[in-house]
Amino acid sequence: MGLLLKALIGAAVVVLIGLLSKTRNYYIAGLIPLFPTFALIAHYIVASERSIEALRTTIIFGLWAIIPYIIYLISLYFLINHLRLPLALTAAVLCWVIAAWILISVWSQWHR
């Protein structure tokens, strides 16, 4: 899959989010990033360049990778009451980074 095609898919997702955020059902824009666009690409690449067993491992890691996203959402939910939006978003992303770092560290130790 070419780099240009991947960029076009990403751009299409961003445009879709922008369009949905302007509708009466704006909250659906929060569902779109969870559509497995990039997961499909990652799974295809892992399966075609590695093995089905590597894909299975990637899928299991993907299940665990939901945890940092949940931490991001929970932290943002509470931070928007106390901080201005840009700072709340930055802090929530930092929470995601920390959770992702912990996940990767634990996963790396567990799968040696």
PDB file of N, CA and C in Angstrom:
ATOM      1  N   MET A   1       0.858  -1.164   0.000  1.00  0.00           N
ATOM      2  CA  MET A   1       0.000   0.000   0.000  1.00  0.00           C
ATOM      3  C   MET A   1       0.906   1.229   0.000  1.00  0.00           C
ATOM      4  N   GLY A   2       0.727   2.091  -0.948  1.00  0.00           N
ATOM      5  CA  GLY A   2       1.601   3.233  -1.090  1.00  0.00           C
ATOM      6  C   GLY A   2       1.397   4.279  -0.018  1.00  0.00           C
ATOM      7  N   LEU A   3       2.458   5.026   0.220  1.00  0.00           N
ATOM      8  CA  LEU A   3       2.418   6.083   1.228  1.00  0.00           C
ATOM      9  C   LEU A   3       1.370   7.133   0.875  1.00  0.00           C
ATOM     10  N   LEU A   4       1.213   7.436  -0.390  1.00  0.00           N
ATOM     11  CA  LEU A   4       0.227   8.429  -0.820  1.00  0.00           C
ATOM     12  C   LEU A   4      -1.195   7.968  -0.493  1.00  0.00           C
ATOM     13  N   LEU A   5      -1.473   6.693  -0.730  1.00  0.00           N
ATOM     14  CA  LEU A   5      -2.798   6.162  -0.427  1.00  0.00           C
ATOM     15  C   LEU A   5      -3.090   6.241   1.071  1.00  0.00           C
ATOM     16  N   LYS A   6      -2.093   5.926   1.893  1.00  0.00           N
ATOM     17  CA  LYS A   6      -2.258   6.008   3.348  1.00  0.00           C
ATOM     18  C   LYS A   6      -2.539   7.452   3.772  1.00  0.00           C
ATOM     19  N   ALA A   7      -1.831   8.397   3.169  1.00  0.00           N
ATOM     20  CA  ALA A   7      -2.046   9.809   3.481  1.00  0.00           C
ATOM     21  C   ALA A   7      -3.442  10.257   3.054  1.00  0.00           C
ATOM     22  N   LEU A   8      -3.908   9.777   1.920  1.00  0.00           N
ATOM     23  CA  LEU A   8      -5.248  10.129   1.450  1.00  0.00           C
ATOM     24  C   LEU A   8      -6.330   9.559   2.370  1.00  0.00           C
ATOM     25  N   ILE A   9      -6.120   8.355   2.846  1.00  0.00           N
ATOM     26  CA  ILE A   9      -7.084   7.762   3.784  1.00  0.00           C
ATOM     27  C   ILE A   9      -7.126   8.594   5.067  1.00  0.00           C
ATOM     28  N   GLY A  10      -5.954   8.964   5.584  1.00  0.00           N
ATOM     29  CA  GLY A  10      -5.887   9.795   6.788  1.00  0.00           C
ATOM     30  C   GLY A  10      -6.575  11.136   6.585  1.00  0.00           C
ATOM     31  N   ALA A  11      -6.342  11.744   5.433  1.00  0.00           N
ATOM     32  CA  ALA A  11      -6.970  13.040   5.136  1.00  0.00           C
ATOM     33  C   ALA A  11      -8.484  12.886   5.033  1.00  0.00           C
ATOM     34  N   ALA A  12      -8.943  11.809   4.442  1.00  0.00           N
ATOM     35  CA  ALA A  12     -10.385  11.572   4.324  1.00  0.00           C
ATOM     36  C   ALA A  12     -11.021  11.431   5.704  1.00  0.00           C
ATOM     37  N   VAL A  13     -10.334  10.767   6.612  1.00  0.00           N
ATOM     38  CA  VAL A  13     -10.853  10.611   7.979  1.00  0.00           C
ATOM     39  C   VAL A  13     -10.957  11.970   8.663  1.00  0.00           C
ATOM     40  N   VAL A  14      -9.941  12.803   8.507  1.00  0.00           N
ATOM     41  CA  VAL A  14      -9.958  14.137   9.113  1.00  0.00           C
ATOM     42  C   VAL A  14     -11.104  14.972   8.542  1.00  0.00           C
ATOM     43  N   VAL A  15     -11.318  14.909   7.246  1.00  0.00           N
ATOM     44  CA  VAL A  15     -12.417  15.652   6.620  1.00  0.00           C
ATOM     45  C   VAL A  15     -13.758  15.140   7.140  1.00  0.00           C
ATOM     46  N   LEU A  16     -13.901  13.827   7.258  1.00  0.00           N
ATOM     47  CA  LEU A  16     -15.140  13.249   7.770  1.00  0.00           C
ATOM     48  C   LEU A  16     -15.415  13.708   9.207  1.00  0.00           C
ATOM     49  N   ILE A  17     -14.391  13.735  10.027  1.00  0.00           N
ATOM     50  CA  ILE A  17     -14.546  14.218  11.406  1.00  0.00           C
ATOM     51  C   ILE A  17     -14.998  15.680  11.405  1.00  0.00           C
ATOM     52  N   GLY A  18     -14.370  16.491  10.574  1.00  0.00           N
ATOM     53  CA  GLY A  18     -14.738  17.903  10.477  1.00  0.00           C
ATOM     54  C   GLY A  18     -16.178  18.091  10.039  1.00  0.00           C
ATOM     55  N   LEU A  19     -16.606  17.312   9.066  1.00  0.00           N
ATOM     56  CA  LEU A  19     -17.989  17.420   8.590  1.00  0.00           C
ATOM     57  C   LEU A  19     -18.980  16.968   9.659  1.00  0.00           C
ATOM     58  N   LEU A  20     -18.688  15.863  10.305  1.00  0.00           N
ATOM     59  CA  LEU A  20     -19.599  15.355  11.331  1.00  0.00           C
ATOM     60  C   LEU A  20     -19.684  16.278  12.545  1.00  0.00           C
ATOM     61  N   SER A  21     -18.592  16.954  12.862  1.00  0.00           N
ATOM     62  CA  SER A  21     -18.606  17.843  14.030  1.00  0.00           C
ATOM     63  C   SER A  21     -19.528  19.039  13.832  1.00  0.00           C
ATOM     64  N   LYS A  22     -19.904  19.326  12.598  1.00  0.00           N
ATOM     65  CA  LYS A  22     -20.780  20.450  12.294  1.00  0.00           C
ATOM     66  C   LYS A  22     -22.253  20.029  12.221  1.00  0.00           C
ATOM     67  N   THR A  23     -22.528  18.736  12.366  1.00  0.00           N
ATOM     68  CA  THR A  23     -23.904  18.258  12.244  1.00  0.00           C
ATOM     69  C   THR A  23     -24.611  18.244  13.590  1.00  0.00           C
ATOM     70  N   ARG A  24     -25.888  17.924  13.534  1.00  0.00           N
ATOM     71  CA  ARG A  24     -26.701  17.790  14.735  1.00  0.00           C
ATOM     72  C   ARG A  24     -26.187  16.638  15.608  1.00  0.00           C
ATOM     73  N   ASN A  25     -25.626  15.642  14.994  1.00  0.00           N
ATOM     74  CA  ASN A  25     -25.074  14.480  15.701  1.00  0.00           C
ATOM     75  C   ASN A  25     -23.554  14.596  15.821  1.00  0.00           C
ATOM     76  N   TYR A  26     -23.085  15.747  16.275  1.00  0.00           N
ATOM     77  CA  TYR A  26     -21.655  16.056  16.367  1.00  0.00           C
ATOM     78  C   TYR A  26     -20.870  15.008  17.149  1.00  0.00           C
ATOM     79  N   TYR A  27     -21.476  14.346  18.111  1.00  0.00           N
ATOM     80  CA  TYR A  27     -20.791  13.371  18.963  1.00  0.00           C
ATOM     81  C   TYR A  27     -20.286  12.163  18.176  1.00  0.00           C
ATOM     82  N   ILE A  28     -20.871  11.923  17.005  1.00  0.00           N
ATOM     83  CA  ILE A  28     -20.401  10.806  16.169  1.00  0.00           C
ATOM     84  C   ILE A  28     -18.966  11.058  15.712  1.00  0.00           C
ATOM     85  N   ALA A  29     -18.546  12.316  15.688  1.00  0.00           N
ATOM     86  CA  ALA A  29     -17.157  12.632  15.334  1.00  0.00           C
ATOM     87  C   ALA A  29     -16.182  11.945  16.287  1.00  0.00           C
ATOM     88  N   GLY A  30     -16.611  11.661  17.515  1.00  0.00           N
ATOM     89  CA  GLY A  30     -15.773  10.941  18.476  1.00  0.00           C
ATOM     90  C   GLY A  30     -15.670   9.458  18.180  1.00  0.00           C
ATOM     91  N   LEU A  31     -16.571   8.936  17.372  1.00  0.00           N
ATOM     92  CA  LEU A  31     -16.535   7.521  16.993  1.00  0.00           C
ATOM     93  C   LEU A  31     -15.609   7.277  15.802  1.00  0.00           C
ATOM     94  N   ILE A  32     -15.519   8.243  14.917  1.00  0.00           N
ATOM     95  CA  ILE A  32     -14.751   8.078  13.684  1.00  0.00           C
ATOM     96  C   ILE A  32     -13.282   7.726  13.931  1.00  0.00           C
ATOM     97  N   PRO A  33     -12.587   8.366  14.889  1.00  0.00           N
ATOM     98  CA  PRO A  33     -11.190   7.979  15.101  1.00  0.00           C
ATOM     99  C   PRO A  33     -11.033   6.521  15.549  1.00  0.00           C
ATOM    100  N   LEU A  34     -12.119   5.937  16.035  1.00  0.00           N
ATOM    101  CA  LEU A  34     -12.051   4.550  16.476  1.00  0.00           C
ATOM    102  C   LEU A  34     -12.342   3.567  15.350  1.00  0.00           C
ATOM    103  N   PHE A  35     -12.753   4.079  14.187  1.00  0.00           N
ATOM    104  CA  PHE A  35     -12.893   3.190  13.028  1.00  0.00           C
ATOM    105  C   PHE A  35     -11.507   2.655  12.713  1.00  0.00           C
ATOM    106  N   PRO A  36     -11.388   1.381  12.458  1.00  0.00           N
ATOM    107  CA  PRO A  36     -10.050   0.783  12.350  1.00  0.00           C
ATOM    108  C   PRO A  36      -9.308   1.061  11.035  1.00  0.00           C
ATOM    109  N   THR A  37      -9.369   2.290  10.559  1.00  0.00           N
ATOM    110  CA  THR A  37      -8.673   2.651   9.320  1.00  0.00           C
ATOM    111  C   THR A  37      -7.194   2.309   9.406  1.00  0.00           C
ATOM    112  N   PHE A  38      -6.539   2.846  10.428  1.00  0.00           N
ATOM    113  CA  PHE A  38      -5.101   2.633  10.547  1.00  0.00           C
ATOM    114  C   PHE A  38      -4.794   1.231  11.054  1.00  0.00           C
ATOM    115  N   ALA A  39      -5.704   0.663  11.820  1.00  0.00           N
ATOM    116  CA  ALA A  39      -5.519  -0.721  12.262  1.00  0.00           C
ATOM    117  C   ALA A  39      -5.563  -1.662  11.062  1.00  0.00           C
ATOM    118  N   LEU A  40      -6.466  -1.408  10.123  1.00  0.00           N
ATOM    119  CA  LEU A  40      -6.524  -2.227   8.909  1.00  0.00           C
ATOM    120  C   LEU A  40      -5.197  -2.179   8.165  1.00  0.00           C
ATOM    121  N   ILE A  41      -4.653  -0.988   8.031  1.00  0.00           N
ATOM    122  CA  ILE A  41      -3.371  -0.834   7.343  1.00  0.00           C
ATOM    123  C   ILE A  41      -2.273  -1.558   8.108  1.00  0.00           C
ATOM    124  N   ALA A  42      -2.217  -1.338   9.431  1.00  0.00           N
ATOM    125  CA  ALA A  42      -1.183  -1.979  10.249  1.00  0.00           C
ATOM    126  C   ALA A  42      -1.318  -3.496  10.208  1.00  0.00           C
ATOM    127  N   HIS A  43      -2.531  -3.998  10.316  1.00  0.00           N
ATOM    128  CA  HIS A  43      -2.736  -5.446  10.313  1.00  0.00           C
ATOM    129  C   HIS A  43      -2.365  -6.054   8.966  1.00  0.00           C
ATOM    130  N   TYR A  44      -2.708  -5.367   7.894  1.00  0.00           N
ATOM    131  CA  TYR A  44      -2.334  -5.854   6.565  1.00  0.00           C
ATOM    132  C   TYR A  44      -0.817  -5.912   6.408  1.00  0.00           C
ATOM    133  N   ILE A  45      -0.139  -4.843   6.831  1.00  0.00           N
ATOM    134  CA  ILE A  45       1.317  -4.791   6.691  1.00  0.00           C
ATOM    135  C   ILE A  45       1.978  -5.861   7.553  1.00  0.00           C
ATOM    136  N   VAL A  46       1.561  -6.004   8.809  1.00  0.00           N
ATOM    137  CA  VAL A  46       2.156  -7.006   9.695  1.00  0.00           C
ATOM    138  C   VAL A  46       1.933  -8.403   9.132  1.00  0.00           C
ATOM    139  N   ALA A  47       0.710  -8.701   8.693  1.00  0.00           N
ATOM    140  CA  ALA A  47       0.410 -10.039   8.173  1.00  0.00           C
ATOM    141  C   ALA A  47       1.160 -10.332   6.881  1.00  0.00           C
ATOM    142  N   SER A  48       1.316  -9.330   6.031  1.00  0.00           N
ATOM    143  CA  SER A  48       1.983  -9.586   4.747  1.00  0.00           C
ATOM    144  C   SER A  48       3.507  -9.551   4.852  1.00  0.00           C
ATOM    145  N   GLU A  49       4.047  -8.808   5.815  1.00  0.00           N
ATOM    146  CA  GLU A  49       5.499  -8.719   5.946  1.00  0.00           C
ATOM    147  C   GLU A  49       6.059  -9.635   7.020  1.00  0.00           C
ATOM    148  N   ARG A  50       5.217 -10.076   7.957  1.00  0.00           N
ATOM    149  CA  ARG A  50       5.683 -10.945   9.038  1.00  0.00           C
ATOM    150  C   ARG A  50       4.990 -12.299   8.914  1.00  0.00           C
ATOM    151  N   SER A  51       4.026 -12.547   9.777  1.00  0.00           N
ATOM    152  CA  SER A  51       3.308 -13.830   9.769  1.00  0.00           C
ATOM    153  C   SER A  51       1.949 -13.645  10.423  1.00  0.00           C
ATOM    154  N   ILE A  52       1.132 -14.669  10.306  1.00  0.00           N
ATOM    155  CA  ILE A  52      -0.168 -14.635  10.966  1.00  0.00           C
ATOM    156  C   ILE A  52       0.019 -14.629  12.483  1.00  0.00           C
ATOM    157  N   GLU A  53       1.037 -15.327  12.968  1.00  0.00           N
ATOM    158  CA  GLU A  53       1.302 -15.320  14.413  1.00  0.00           C
ATOM    159  C   GLU A  53       1.687 -13.911  14.885  1.00  0.00           C
ATOM    160  N   ALA A  54       2.461 -13.195  14.086  1.00  0.00           N
ATOM    161  CA  ALA A  54       2.802 -11.807  14.423  1.00  0.00           C
ATOM    162  C   ALA A  54       1.538 -10.943  14.415  1.00  0.00           C
ATOM    163  N   LEU A  55       0.635 -11.224  13.478  1.00  0.00           N
ATOM    164  CA  LEU A  55      -0.627 -10.494  13.435  1.00  0.00           C
ATOM    165  C   LEU A  55      -1.446 -10.773  14.692  1.00  0.00           C
ATOM    166  N   ARG A  56      -1.462 -12.025  15.128  1.00  0.00           N
ATOM    167  CA  ARG A  56      -2.195 -12.365  16.346  1.00  0.00           C
ATOM    168  C   ARG A  56      -1.633 -11.590  17.543  1.00  0.00           C
ATOM    169  N   THR A  57      -0.318 -11.510  17.646  1.00  0.00           N
ATOM    170  CA  THR A  57       0.318 -10.754  18.726  1.00  0.00           C
ATOM    171  C   THR A  57      -0.046  -9.276  18.628  1.00  0.00           C
ATOM    172  N   THR A  58      -0.038  -8.748  17.423  1.00  0.00           N
ATOM    173  CA  THR A  58      -0.407  -7.348  17.202  1.00  0.00           C
ATOM    174  C   THR A  58      -1.851  -7.094  17.616  1.00  0.00           C
ATOM    175  N   ILE A  59      -2.732  -8.035  17.335  1.00  0.00           N
ATOM    176  CA  ILE A  59      -4.139  -7.897  17.713  1.00  0.00           C
ATOM    177  C   ILE A  59      -4.281  -7.879  19.233  1.00  0.00           C
ATOM    178  N   ILE A  60      -3.593  -8.792  19.913  1.00  0.00           N
ATOM    179  CA  ILE A  60      -3.660  -8.831  21.378  1.00  0.00           C
ATOM    180  C   ILE A  60      -3.117  -7.526  21.962  1.00  0.00           C
ATOM    181  N   PHE A  61      -1.983  -7.045  21.429  1.00  0.00           N
ATOM    182  CA  PHE A  61      -1.448  -5.771  21.900  1.00  0.00           C
ATOM    183  C   PHE A  61      -2.447  -4.646  21.654  1.00  0.00           C
ATOM    184  N   GLY A  62      -3.134  -4.693  20.513  1.00  0.00           N
ATOM    185  CA  GLY A  62      -4.149  -3.686  20.201  1.00  0.00           C
ATOM    186  C   GLY A  62      -5.278  -3.663  21.218  1.00  0.00           C
ATOM    187  N   LEU A  63      -5.646  -4.831  21.724  1.00  0.00           N
ATOM    188  CA  LEU A  63      -6.666  -4.881  22.779  1.00  0.00           C
ATOM    189  C   LEU A  63      -6.180  -4.165  24.032  1.00  0.00           C
ATOM    190  N   TRP A  64      -4.938  -4.396  24.401  1.00  0.00           N
ATOM    191  CA  TRP A  64      -4.357  -3.708  25.562  1.00  0.00           C
ATOM    192  C   TRP A  64      -4.166  -2.220  25.291  1.00  0.00           C
ATOM    193  N   ALA A  65      -3.957  -1.857  24.037  1.00  0.00           N
ATOM    194  CA  ALA A  65      -3.712  -0.456  23.673  1.00  0.00           C
ATOM    195  C   ALA A  65      -4.947   0.420  23.857  1.00  0.00           C
ATOM    196  N   ILE A  66      -6.075  -0.181  24.095  1.00  0.00           N
ATOM    197  CA  ILE A  66      -7.286   0.581  24.375  1.00  0.00           C
ATOM    198  C   ILE A  66      -7.151   1.312  25.713  1.00  0.00           C
ATOM    199  N   ILE A  67      -6.368   0.759  26.620  1.00  0.00           N
ATOM    200  CA  ILE A  67      -6.222   1.347  27.955  1.00  0.00           C
ATOM    201  C   ILE A  67      -5.693   2.786  27.910  1.00  0.00           C
ATOM    202  N   PRO A  68      -4.607   3.083  27.180  1.00  0.00           N
ATOM    203  CA  PRO A  68      -4.166   4.484  27.121  1.00  0.00           C
ATOM    204  C   PRO A  68      -5.228   5.424  26.551  1.00  0.00           C
ATOM    205  N   TYR A  69      -6.012   4.947  25.600  1.00  0.00           N
ATOM    206  CA  TYR A  69      -7.076   5.785  25.035  1.00  0.00           C
ATOM    207  C   TYR A  69      -8.158   6.065  26.077  1.00  0.00           C
ATOM    208  N   ILE A  70      -8.501   5.054  26.850  1.00  0.00           N
ATOM    209  CA  ILE A  70      -9.485   5.251  27.923  1.00  0.00           C
ATOM    210  C   ILE A  70      -8.949   6.256  28.944  1.00  0.00           C
ATOM    211  N   ILE A  71      -7.669   6.145  29.269  1.00  0.00           N
ATOM    212  CA  ILE A  71      -7.052   7.091  30.205  1.00  0.00           C
ATOM    213  C   ILE A  71      -7.085   8.500  29.633  1.00  0.00           C
ATOM    214  N   TYR A  72      -6.825   8.634  28.341  1.00  0.00           N
ATOM    215  CA  TYR A  72      -6.909   9.940  27.677  1.00  0.00           C
ATOM    216  C   TYR A  72      -8.316  10.518  27.827  1.00  0.00           C
ATOM    217  N   LEU A  73      -9.329   9.723  27.505  1.00  0.00           N
ATOM    218  CA  LEU A  73     -10.701  10.220  27.556  1.00  0.00           C
ATOM    219  C   LEU A  73     -11.120  10.598  28.973  1.00  0.00           C
ATOM    220  N   ILE A  74     -10.804   9.759  29.942  1.00  0.00           N
ATOM    221  CA  ILE A  74     -11.181  10.051  31.332  1.00  0.00           C
ATOM    222  C   ILE A  74     -10.471  11.308  31.825  1.00  0.00           C
ATOM    223  N   SER A  75      -9.175  11.410  31.535  1.00  0.00           N
ATOM    224  CA  SER A  75      -8.448  12.594  32.001  1.00  0.00           C
ATOM    225  C   SER A  75      -8.966  13.860  31.323  1.00  0.00           C
ATOM    226  N   LEU A  76      -9.260  13.795  30.041  1.00  0.00           N
ATOM    227  CA  LEU A  76      -9.789  14.974  29.345  1.00  0.00           C
ATOM    228  C   LEU A  76     -11.157  15.357  29.896  1.00  0.00           C
ATOM    229  N   TYR A  77     -11.977  14.373  30.171  1.00  0.00           N
ATOM    230  CA  TYR A  77     -13.308  14.630  30.724  1.00  0.00           C
ATOM    231  C   TYR A  77     -13.216  15.470  32.005  1.00  0.00           C
ATOM    232  N   PHE A  78     -12.295  15.122  32.867  1.00  0.00           N
ATOM    233  CA  PHE A  78     -12.154  15.855  34.125  1.00  0.00           C
ATOM    234  C   PHE A  78     -11.344  17.142  33.976  1.00  0.00           C
ATOM    235  N   LEU A  79     -10.340  17.134  33.103  1.00  0.00           N
ATOM    236  CA  LEU A  79      -9.481  18.314  32.953  1.00  0.00           C
ATOM    237  C   LEU A  79     -10.199  19.497  32.306  1.00  0.00           C
ATOM    238  N   ILE A  80     -11.182  19.239  31.435  1.00  0.00           N
ATOM    239  CA  ILE A  80     -11.856  20.363  30.768  1.00  0.00           C
ATOM    240  C   ILE A  80     -12.667  21.208  31.752  1.00  0.00           C
ATOM    241  N   ASN A  81     -12.915  20.680  32.947  1.00  0.00           N
ATOM    242  CA  ASN A  81     -13.597  21.477  33.972  1.00  0.00           C
ATOM    243  C   ASN A  81     -12.654  22.424  34.693  1.00  0.00           C
ATOM    244  N   HIS A  82     -11.360  22.186  34.605  1.00  0.00           N
ATOM    245  CA  HIS A  82     -10.388  22.946  35.395  1.00  0.00           C
ATOM    246  C   HIS A  82      -9.363  23.725  34.572  1.00  0.00           C
ATOM    247  N   LEU A  83      -9.186  23.360  33.313  1.00  0.00           N
ATOM    248  CA  LEU A  83      -8.159  23.991  32.475  1.00  0.00           C
ATOM    249  C   LEU A  83      -8.781  24.504  31.185  1.00  0.00           C
ATOM    250  N   ARG A  84      -8.101  25.462  30.567  1.00  0.00           N
ATOM    251  CA  ARG A  84      -8.528  25.905  29.244  1.00  0.00           C
ATOM    252  C   ARG A  84      -8.312  24.759  28.272  1.00  0.00           C
ATOM    253  N   LEU A  85      -9.111  24.730  27.222  1.00  0.00           N
ATOM    254  CA  LEU A  85      -9.135  23.586  26.307  1.00  0.00           C
ATOM    255  C   LEU A  85      -7.760  23.175  25.781  1.00  0.00           C
ATOM    256  N   PRO A  86      -6.935  24.093  25.252  1.00  0.00           N
ATOM    257  CA  PRO A  86      -5.630  23.646  24.741  1.00  0.00           C
ATOM    258  C   PRO A  86      -4.766  22.979  25.821  1.00  0.00           C
ATOM    259  N   LEU A  87      -4.797  23.510  27.027  1.00  0.00           N
ATOM    260  CA  LEU A  87      -4.014  22.925  28.111  1.00  0.00           C
ATOM    261  C   LEU A  87      -4.604  21.587  28.546  1.00  0.00           C
ATOM    262  N   ALA A  88      -5.922  21.490  28.589  1.00  0.00           N
ATOM    263  CA  ALA A  88      -6.574  20.223  28.949  1.00  0.00           C
ATOM    264  C   ALA A  88      -6.249  19.146  27.925  1.00  0.00           C
ATOM    265  N   LEU A  89      -6.291  19.501  26.644  1.00  0.00           N
ATOM    266  CA  LEU A  89      -5.942  18.538  25.589  1.00  0.00           C
ATOM    267  C   LEU A  89      -4.490  18.101  25.701  1.00  0.00           C
ATOM    268  N   THR A  90      -3.608  19.067  25.950  1.00  0.00           N
ATOM    269  CA  THR A  90      -2.185  18.747  26.099  1.00  0.00           C
ATOM    270  C   THR A  90      -1.957  17.811  27.283  1.00  0.00           C
ATOM    271  N   ALA A  91      -2.591  18.112  28.399  1.00  0.00           N
ATOM    272  CA  ALA A  91      -2.433  17.278  29.595  1.00  0.00           C
ATOM    273  C   ALA A  91      -3.005  15.883  29.362  1.00  0.00           C
ATOM    274  N   ALA A  92      -4.138  15.795  28.678  1.00  0.00           N
ATOM    275  CA  ALA A  92      -4.735  14.486  28.385  1.00  0.00           C
ATOM    276  C   ALA A  92      -3.839  13.668  27.464  1.00  0.00           C
ATOM    277  N   VAL A  93      -3.231  14.332  26.492  1.00  0.00           N
ATOM    278  CA  VAL A  93      -2.282  13.633  25.611  1.00  0.00           C
ATOM    279  C   VAL A  93      -1.073  13.160  26.411  1.00  0.00           C
ATOM    280  N   LEU A  94      -0.609  13.971  27.335  1.00  0.00           N
ATOM    281  CA  LEU A  94       0.495  13.559  28.199  1.00  0.00           C
ATOM    282  C   LEU A  94       0.101  12.325  29.023  1.00  0.00           C
ATOM    283  N   CYS A  95      -1.126  12.295  29.511  1.00  0.00           N
ATOM    284  CA  CYS A  95      -1.613  11.107  30.223  1.00  0.00           C
ATOM    285  C   CYS A  95      -1.591   9.892  29.301  1.00  0.00           C
ATOM    286  N   TRP A  96      -2.001  10.085  28.038  1.00  0.00           N
ATOM    287  CA  TRP A  96      -1.967   8.990  27.066  1.00  0.00           C
ATOM    288  C   TRP A  96      -0.535   8.517  26.842  1.00  0.00           C
ATOM    289  N   VAL A  97       0.388   9.471  26.679  1.00  0.00           N
ATOM    290  CA  VAL A  97       1.797   9.120  26.444  1.00  0.00           C
ATOM    291  C   VAL A  97       2.355   8.309  27.609  1.00  0.00           C
ATOM    292  N   ILE A  98       2.072   8.735  28.818  1.00  0.00           N
ATOM    293  CA  ILE A  98       2.559   8.014  30.001  1.00  0.00           C
ATOM    294  C   ILE A  98       1.961   6.615  30.051  1.00  0.00           C
ATOM    295  N   ALA A  99       0.651   6.512  29.832  1.00  0.00           N
ATOM    296  CA  ALA A  99      -0.002   5.200  29.843  1.00  0.00           C
ATOM    297  C   ALA A  99       0.532   4.308  28.729  1.00  0.00           C
ATOM    298  N   ALA A 100       0.753   4.877  27.546  1.00  0.00           N
ATOM    299  CA  ALA A 100       1.295   4.097  26.431  1.00  0.00           C
ATOM    300  C   ALA A 100       2.725   3.639  26.731  1.00  0.00           C
ATOM    301  N   TRP A 101       3.522   4.518  27.327  1.00  0.00           N
ATOM    302  CA  TRP A 101       4.900   4.163  27.690  1.00  0.00           C
ATOM    303  C   TRP A 101       4.897   3.008  28.696  1.00  0.00           C
ATOM    304  N   ILE A 102       4.025   3.091  29.696  1.00  0.00           N
ATOM    305  CA  ILE A 102       3.929   2.016  30.689  1.00  0.00           C
ATOM    306  C   ILE A 102       3.494   0.717  30.009  1.00  0.00           C
ATOM    307  N   LEU A 103       2.486   0.806  29.135  1.00  0.00           N
ATOM    308  CA  LEU A 103       2.017  -0.377  28.420  1.00  0.00           C
ATOM    309  C   LEU A 103       3.136  -1.011  27.604  1.00  0.00           C
ATOM    310  N   ILE A 104       3.863  -0.209  26.852  1.00  0.00           N
ATOM    311  CA  ILE A 104       4.952  -0.736  26.021  1.00  0.00           C
ATOM    312  C   ILE A 104       6.047  -1.343  26.894  1.00  0.00           C
ATOM    313  N   SER A 105       6.368  -0.688  27.992  1.00  0.00           N
ATOM    314  CA  SER A 105       7.397  -1.211  28.900  1.00  0.00           C
ATOM    315  C   SER A 105       6.991  -2.556  29.487  1.00  0.00           C
ATOM    316  N   VAL A 106       5.758  -2.635  29.969  1.00  0.00           N
ATOM    317  CA  VAL A 106       5.275  -3.892  30.554  1.00  0.00           C
ATOM    318  C   VAL A 106       5.197  -4.974  29.482  1.00  0.00           C
ATOM    319  N   TRP A 107       4.677  -4.629  28.326  1.00  0.00           N
ATOM    320  CA  TRP A 107       4.544  -5.596  27.216  1.00  0.00           C
ATOM    321  C   TRP A 107       5.915  -6.110  26.801  1.00  0.00           C
ATOM    322  N   SER A 108       6.886  -5.210  26.694  1.00  0.00           N
ATOM    323  CA  SER A 108       8.245  -5.610  26.284  1.00  0.00           C
ATOM    324  C   SER A 108       8.871  -6.571  27.295  1.00  0.00           C
ATOM    325  N   GLN A 109       8.652  -6.325  28.563  1.00  0.00           N
ATOM    326  CA  GLN A 109       9.189  -7.217  29.599  1.00  0.00           C
ATOM    327  C   GLN A 109       8.481  -8.571  29.599  1.00  0.00           C
ATOM    328  N   TRP A 110       7.195  -8.543  29.349  1.00  0.00           N
ATOM    329  CA  TRP A 110       6.380  -9.743  29.386  1.00  0.00           C
ATOM    330  C   TRP A 110       6.621 -10.637  28.182  1.00  0.00           C
ATOM    331  N   HIS A 111       6.961 -10.052  27.044  1.00  0.00           N
ATOM    332  CA  HIS A 111       7.120 -10.810  25.777  1.00  0.00           C
ATOM    333  C   HIS A 111       8.562 -10.942  25.332  1.00  0.00           C
ATOM    334  N   ARG A 112       9.453 -11.162  26.261  1.00  0.00           N
ATOM    335  CA  ARG A 112      10.868 -11.364  25.885  1.00  0.00           C
ATOM    336  C   ARG A 112      11.124 -12.787  25.585  1.00  0.00           C
TER     337      ARG A 112
END
